[in-house]
Amino acid sequence: MHISIAGSIDLAVDRALRLGCTSFQIFTRNPRGWRCSPLTEEGIQRFRMKLSKADLKPVIAHMPYLPNLASPRDDVYVKSIESLRNELARCHILNIPFLVTHLGSHLGGGKEIGFKRIIAAIDECLEDDPGEVTLLLENTAGAGNSMGASLQDLQCILEGAAMGDRLGVCFDTCHAFAAGYDLRSEEAVEALMEEFDDAIGVNRIKVIHANDSKGGLGSNMDRHEHIGLGKIGRGGFKAVISYGNFKYLPYILETPIDSRRSDRENLEEFKGIAAAAGAT
């Protein structure tokens, strides 16, 4: 699950264990602002100590909401680069191996400008970063001027980046479905992943965000739904998990918080589907 760090970042480890997670994702800071408090030495040590004692791996961090690596606006772009640089450093200090980033929006400036901005930002930050954190590009639902909805978008960035060996993909099921990639059957998943392998290489997928979709196929709606209650359905998730070596990948649920189902119930639902797909 994506886990809250409310109170102290190390409390996320306790919460993940109580839910029965074997992997988890966090924001390392408040995701809704530009400024953030530095990590305390005490908090860092508690987080690392708890992780060393828990069978929770990998831990994944997610970039805050405000950065836009594709922005044509210089003020936002500069702050976005600084935010990415800062998050890479925080992941390194916390022993977090993966950082997921959205690719942002070109805001009407055009995809060509967006690609140049994203690639330049990634290369600048990774070249300056002494750690070994892998930056994962998350596919998007394709609304408006967003970047990264198509396999070709991801391919362009991965091939264009000088630091491509530090890059991977976080594949979001809801976003892919909303962008027009069918996941509802084994045949559909097989066809998509064949296309993915030709364009990018399925080995670049390091993490899967497992979210059902409120919107229909190709709706471009970034609206997550509880596992099995959306348009992808239980059969779709079983098909994804059953594909190739996907049963060995970490899956992170970013499902809604409402009265219909709790995080624990979504996790148990997903574990049941995974067991039916032969994953334990």
Protein backbone atom coordinates (compact mmCIF):
# COMPACT_ATOMS: atom_id res chain seq x y z
CA MET A 1 0.00 0.00 0.00
CA HIS A 2 0.89 3.68 -0.14
CA ILE A 3 1.43 4.44 3.56
CA SER A 4 1.10 7.67 5.53
CA ILE A 5 4.16 9.15 7.27
CA ALA A 6 2.00 11.27 9.63
CA GLY A 7 3.73 11.89 12.96
CA SER A 8 7.14 10.61 11.91
CA ILE A 9 8.52 8.94 8.80
CA ASP A 10 9.49 5.76 10.69
CA LEU A 11 5.85 5.20 11.70
CA ALA A 12 5.18 4.23 8.06
CA VAL A 13 7.12 1.00 8.69
CA ASP A 14 4.87 0.16 11.67
CA ARG A 15 1.72 0.92 9.67
CA ALA A 16 2.86 -1.22 6.73
CA LEU A 17 3.56 -4.16 9.03
CA ARG A 18 0.18 -3.85 10.75
CA LEU A 19 -1.57 -3.96 7.37
CA GLY A 20 0.31 -7.10 6.37
CA CYS A 21 2.30 -5.46 3.57
CA THR A 22 5.44 -7.00 2.11
CA SER A 23 6.35 -3.76 0.32
CA PHE A 24 5.15 -0.17 0.67
CA GLN A 25 5.35 3.32 -0.80
CA ILE A 26 5.60 6.71 0.92
CA PHE A 27 6.00 10.39 0.33
CA THR A 28 9.12 11.36 2.26
CA ARG A 29 7.50 14.74 3.04
CA ASN A 30 4.27 16.71 2.67
CA PRO A 31 3.42 16.18 -1.02
CA ARG A 32 1.29 19.31 -1.42
CA GLY A 33 3.88 22.05 -0.96
CA TRP A 34 7.22 23.16 -2.37
CA ARG A 35 8.98 23.58 0.95
CA CYS A 36 9.81 20.70 3.23
CA SER A 37 11.51 20.21 6.55
CA PRO A 38 14.85 18.41 6.46
CA LEU A 39 14.93 14.86 7.72
CA THR A 40 16.20 14.64 11.28
CA GLU A 41 19.09 12.35 12.13
CA GLU A 42 16.91 10.64 14.73
CA GLY A 43 14.11 10.06 12.22
CA ILE A 44 16.54 8.71 9.62
CA GLN A 45 18.07 6.26 12.06
CA ARG A 46 14.69 5.05 13.36
CA PHE A 47 13.42 4.50 9.80
CA ARG A 48 16.53 2.61 8.74
CA MET A 49 16.61 0.53 11.93
CA LYS A 50 12.96 -0.52 11.59
CA LEU A 51 13.46 -1.41 7.93
CA SER A 52 16.50 -3.52 8.76
CA LYS A 53 14.36 -5.60 11.12
CA ALA A 54 11.29 -5.89 8.87
CA ASP A 55 10.76 -8.05 5.80
CA LEU A 56 9.55 -5.12 3.71
CA LYS A 57 11.22 -4.70 0.37
CA PRO A 58 11.52 -2.82 -1.71
CA VAL A 59 10.44 0.47 -0.17
CA ILE A 60 9.38 2.99 -2.79
CA ALA A 61 9.17 6.77 -2.53
CA HIS A 62 6.93 8.99 -4.66
CA MET A 63 7.64 12.54 -5.78
CA PRO A 64 5.39 15.33 -4.42
CA TYR A 65 2.46 16.59 -6.51
CA LEU A 66 3.60 20.11 -7.45
CA PRO A 67 6.80 19.50 -9.48
CA ASN A 68 6.34 19.59 -13.25
CA LEU A 69 9.44 18.42 -15.10
CA ALA A 70 7.85 19.30 -18.46
CA SER A 71 6.84 22.85 -17.54
CA PRO A 72 7.71 25.62 -20.00
CA ARG A 73 7.54 28.09 -17.09
CA ASP A 74 11.07 28.69 -15.86
CA ASP A 75 10.15 29.38 -12.23
CA VAL A 76 8.20 26.12 -11.88
CA TYR A 77 10.81 24.19 -13.84
CA VAL A 78 13.69 25.33 -11.63
CA LYS A 79 11.76 24.44 -8.47
CA SER A 80 10.82 21.08 -9.98
CA ILE A 81 14.47 20.22 -10.65
CA GLU A 82 15.39 21.19 -7.12
CA SER A 83 12.56 19.05 -5.77
CA LEU A 84 13.72 16.02 -7.76
CA ARG A 85 17.31 16.53 -6.64
CA ASN A 86 16.17 16.79 -3.03
CA GLU A 87 14.00 13.65 -3.21
CA LEU A 88 16.83 11.61 -4.70
CA ALA A 89 19.04 12.69 -1.80
CA ARG A 90 16.37 11.84 0.77
CA CYS A 91 15.88 8.38 -0.75
CA HIS A 92 19.63 7.77 -0.61
CA ILE A 93 19.78 8.73 3.06
CA LEU A 94 16.77 6.54 3.91
CA ASN A 95 18.02 3.50 1.93
CA ILE A 96 15.04 3.68 -0.44
CA PRO A 97 16.02 2.16 -3.81
CA PHE A 98 13.19 3.50 -6.03
CA LEU A 99 11.73 6.98 -6.56
CA VAL A 100 8.57 7.29 -8.70
CA THR A 101 7.97 10.51 -10.61
CA HIS A 102 5.11 11.84 -12.69
CA LEU A 103 6.32 13.40 -15.93
CA GLY A 104 4.16 16.50 -15.78
CA SER A 105 2.40 18.59 -18.39
CA HIS A 106 3.76 20.69 -21.24
CA LEU A 107 0.92 23.19 -20.54
CA GLY A 108 0.30 23.78 -24.22
CA GLY A 109 3.95 24.30 -25.10
CA GLY A 110 4.00 21.09 -27.11
CA LYS A 111 5.43 17.63 -26.55
CA GLU A 112 8.79 18.43 -28.13
CA ILE A 113 9.45 21.10 -25.52
CA GLY A 114 8.11 18.81 -22.83
CA PHE A 115 10.46 16.00 -23.77
CA LYS A 116 13.48 18.32 -23.83
CA ARG A 117 12.60 19.71 -20.41
CA ILE A 118 12.04 16.29 -18.84
CA ILE A 119 15.22 14.74 -20.25
CA ALA A 120 17.36 17.74 -19.27
CA ALA A 121 15.95 17.75 -15.73
CA ILE A 122 16.49 14.02 -15.25
CA ASP A 123 20.04 14.10 -16.58
CA GLU A 124 20.98 17.13 -14.49
CA CYS A 125 19.67 15.59 -11.28
CA LEU A 126 21.05 12.09 -11.81
CA GLU A 127 24.46 13.37 -12.90
CA ASP A 128 24.69 15.35 -9.66
CA ASP A 129 23.39 12.51 -7.49
CA PRO A 130 26.05 10.29 -5.85
CA GLY A 131 23.57 7.58 -4.85
CA GLU A 132 22.19 4.56 -6.67
CA VAL A 133 18.47 5.36 -6.48
CA THR A 134 16.57 4.23 -9.57
CA LEU A 135 14.17 6.87 -10.90
CA LEU A 136 10.93 5.32 -12.14
CA LEU A 137 8.87 7.10 -14.79
CA GLU A 138 5.15 6.65 -14.18
CA ASN A 139 2.80 6.38 -17.14
CA THR A 140 -0.16 8.77 -17.10
CA ALA A 141 -3.86 8.61 -18.02
CA GLY A 142 -3.44 11.04 -20.91
CA ALA A 143 -5.64 13.92 -19.82
CA GLY A 144 -4.98 17.40 -21.21
CA ASN A 145 -1.35 18.16 -21.98
CA SER A 146 0.12 15.45 -19.75
CA MET A 147 3.29 13.66 -20.78
CA GLY A 148 3.92 9.93 -20.52
CA ALA A 149 0.54 8.43 -21.45
CA SER A 150 1.83 6.47 -24.45
CA LEU A 151 4.58 3.89 -24.73
CA GLN A 152 6.16 6.16 -27.30
CA ASP A 153 6.36 8.99 -24.76
CA LEU A 154 8.17 6.77 -22.29
CA GLN A 155 10.42 5.39 -25.02
CA CYS A 156 11.42 8.90 -26.10
CA ILE A 157 12.50 9.86 -22.58
CA LEU A 158 14.25 6.58 -21.76
CA GLU A 159 16.19 6.62 -25.03
CA GLY A 160 16.93 10.34 -24.87
CA ALA A 161 18.32 10.44 -21.34
CA ALA A 162 22.08 10.21 -20.97
CA MET A 163 21.54 8.64 -17.54
CA GLY A 164 19.20 5.97 -18.88
CA ASP A 165 20.83 3.22 -16.82
CA ARG A 166 19.39 4.90 -13.69
CA LEU A 167 15.84 4.90 -15.11
CA GLY A 168 12.99 2.42 -15.04
CA VAL A 169 9.20 2.40 -15.32
CA CYS A 170 6.44 2.37 -12.72
CA PHE A 171 3.47 0.92 -14.60
CA ASP A 172 0.13 2.20 -13.31
CA THR A 173 -2.77 -0.06 -14.31
CA CYS A 174 -5.49 2.60 -13.96
CA HIS A 175 -3.49 5.12 -15.96
CA ALA A 176 -2.69 2.62 -18.71
CA PHE A 177 -6.32 1.54 -19.02
CA ALA A 178 -7.54 5.15 -19.08
CA ALA A 179 -4.94 5.93 -21.77
CA GLY A 180 -6.42 3.21 -24.00
CA TYR A 181 -4.36 0.11 -23.17
CA ASP A 182 -6.66 -2.83 -22.47
CA LEU A 183 -5.81 -5.02 -19.46
CA ARG A 184 -9.04 -6.99 -19.04
CA SER A 185 -7.85 -10.37 -20.35
CA GLU A 186 -4.73 -12.46 -20.71
CA GLU A 187 -4.81 -11.89 -24.47
CA ALA A 188 -5.00 -8.10 -24.03
CA VAL A 189 -2.16 -8.03 -21.50
CA GLU A 190 -0.04 -10.29 -23.71
CA ALA A 191 -0.56 -7.98 -26.71
CA LEU A 192 0.21 -4.85 -24.69
CA MET A 193 3.36 -6.27 -23.14
CA GLU A 194 4.59 -7.45 -26.52
CA GLU A 195 4.22 -3.86 -27.71
CA PHE A 196 5.83 -2.61 -24.50
CA ASP A 197 8.77 -4.98 -24.92
CA ASP A 198 9.36 -3.85 -28.50
CA ALA A 199 9.28 -0.16 -27.56
CA ILE A 200 10.92 -0.14 -24.13
CA GLY A 201 11.61 -3.62 -22.77
CA VAL A 202 9.37 -5.15 -20.10
CA ASN A 203 12.45 -5.57 -17.91
CA ARG A 204 12.33 -1.79 -17.38
CA ILE A 205 9.13 -2.21 -15.33
CA LYS A 206 10.34 -2.30 -11.72
CA VAL A 207 7.12 -1.49 -9.83
CA ILE A 208 3.41 -1.79 -10.66
CA HIS A 209 0.82 0.59 -9.23
CA ALA A 210 -2.20 -1.71 -8.94
CA ASN A 211 -5.28 0.49 -9.18
CA ASP A 212 -8.65 -0.34 -10.70
CA SER A 213 -10.23 2.33 -12.91
CA LYS A 214 -13.49 4.23 -12.47
CA GLY A 215 -13.26 5.43 -16.06
CA GLY A 216 -13.65 3.26 -19.13
CA LEU A 217 -11.00 2.17 -21.62
CA GLY A 218 -9.46 5.26 -23.23
CA SER A 219 -11.43 7.66 -21.02
CA ASN A 220 -8.27 9.57 -19.96
CA MET A 221 -9.80 9.70 -16.46
CA ASP A 222 -7.23 9.42 -13.66
CA ARG A 223 -9.77 8.05 -11.17
CA HIS A 224 -8.63 5.11 -9.09
CA GLU A 225 -11.13 2.50 -7.93
CA HIS A 226 -11.07 -0.33 -5.38
CA ILE A 227 -9.52 -3.56 -6.64
CA GLY A 228 -12.06 -5.54 -8.67
CA LEU A 229 -14.79 -2.89 -8.46
CA GLY A 230 -13.72 -0.88 -11.50
CA LYS A 231 -13.53 -1.34 -15.25
CA ILE A 232 -10.37 -3.48 -15.15
CA GLY A 233 -11.86 -6.00 -12.74
CA ARG A 234 -10.52 -9.05 -10.94
CA GLY A 235 -9.87 -10.87 -14.21
CA GLY A 236 -7.72 -8.01 -15.45
CA PHE A 237 -5.51 -8.00 -12.36
CA LYS A 238 -5.14 -11.77 -12.51
CA ALA A 239 -4.05 -11.40 -16.14
CA VAL A 240 -1.45 -8.77 -15.24
CA ILE A 241 0.00 -10.77 -12.35
CA SER A 242 0.08 -13.94 -14.47
CA TYR A 243 2.12 -12.32 -17.27
CA GLY A 244 5.74 -13.44 -17.52
CA ASN A 245 7.73 -12.63 -14.40
CA PHE A 246 5.22 -10.04 -13.14
CA LYS A 247 4.30 -12.22 -10.16
CA TYR A 248 7.73 -11.36 -8.74
CA LEU A 249 7.37 -7.58 -9.02
CA PRO A 250 6.33 -5.28 -6.15
CA TYR A 251 2.75 -4.05 -6.44
CA ILE A 252 1.62 -0.85 -4.71
CA LEU A 253 -2.09 -0.14 -4.18
CA GLU A 254 -3.21 3.51 -4.29
CA THR A 255 -6.89 2.69 -3.91
CA PRO A 256 -9.54 5.14 -2.63
CA ILE A 257 -10.16 5.86 1.02
CA ASP A 258 -13.92 5.64 1.57
CA SER A 259 -16.61 3.66 3.40
CA ARG A 260 -16.88 0.91 0.80
CA ARG A 261 -13.56 -0.75 1.55
CA SER A 262 -10.54 -0.25 3.79
CA ASP A 263 -6.87 -0.47 2.79
CA ARG A 264 -6.66 -3.84 4.54
CA GLU A 265 -9.68 -5.14 2.59
CA ASN A 266 -8.19 -3.97 -0.72
CA LEU A 267 -4.91 -5.63 0.19
CA GLU A 268 -6.64 -8.90 1.06
CA GLU A 269 -8.65 -8.74 -2.18
CA PHE A 270 -5.46 -8.26 -4.18
CA LYS A 271 -3.67 -11.06 -2.31
CA GLY A 272 -6.55 -13.39 -3.18
CA ILE A 273 -6.23 -12.53 -6.87
CA ALA A 274 -2.46 -12.95 -6.71
CA ALA A 275 -2.84 -16.38 -5.10
CA ALA A 276 -5.24 -17.42 -7.88
CA ALA A 277 -2.57 -16.26 -10.37
CA GLY A 278 0.05 -18.46 -8.71
CA ALA A 279 1.85 -15.68 -6.84
CA THR A 280 2.56 -15.91 -3.13
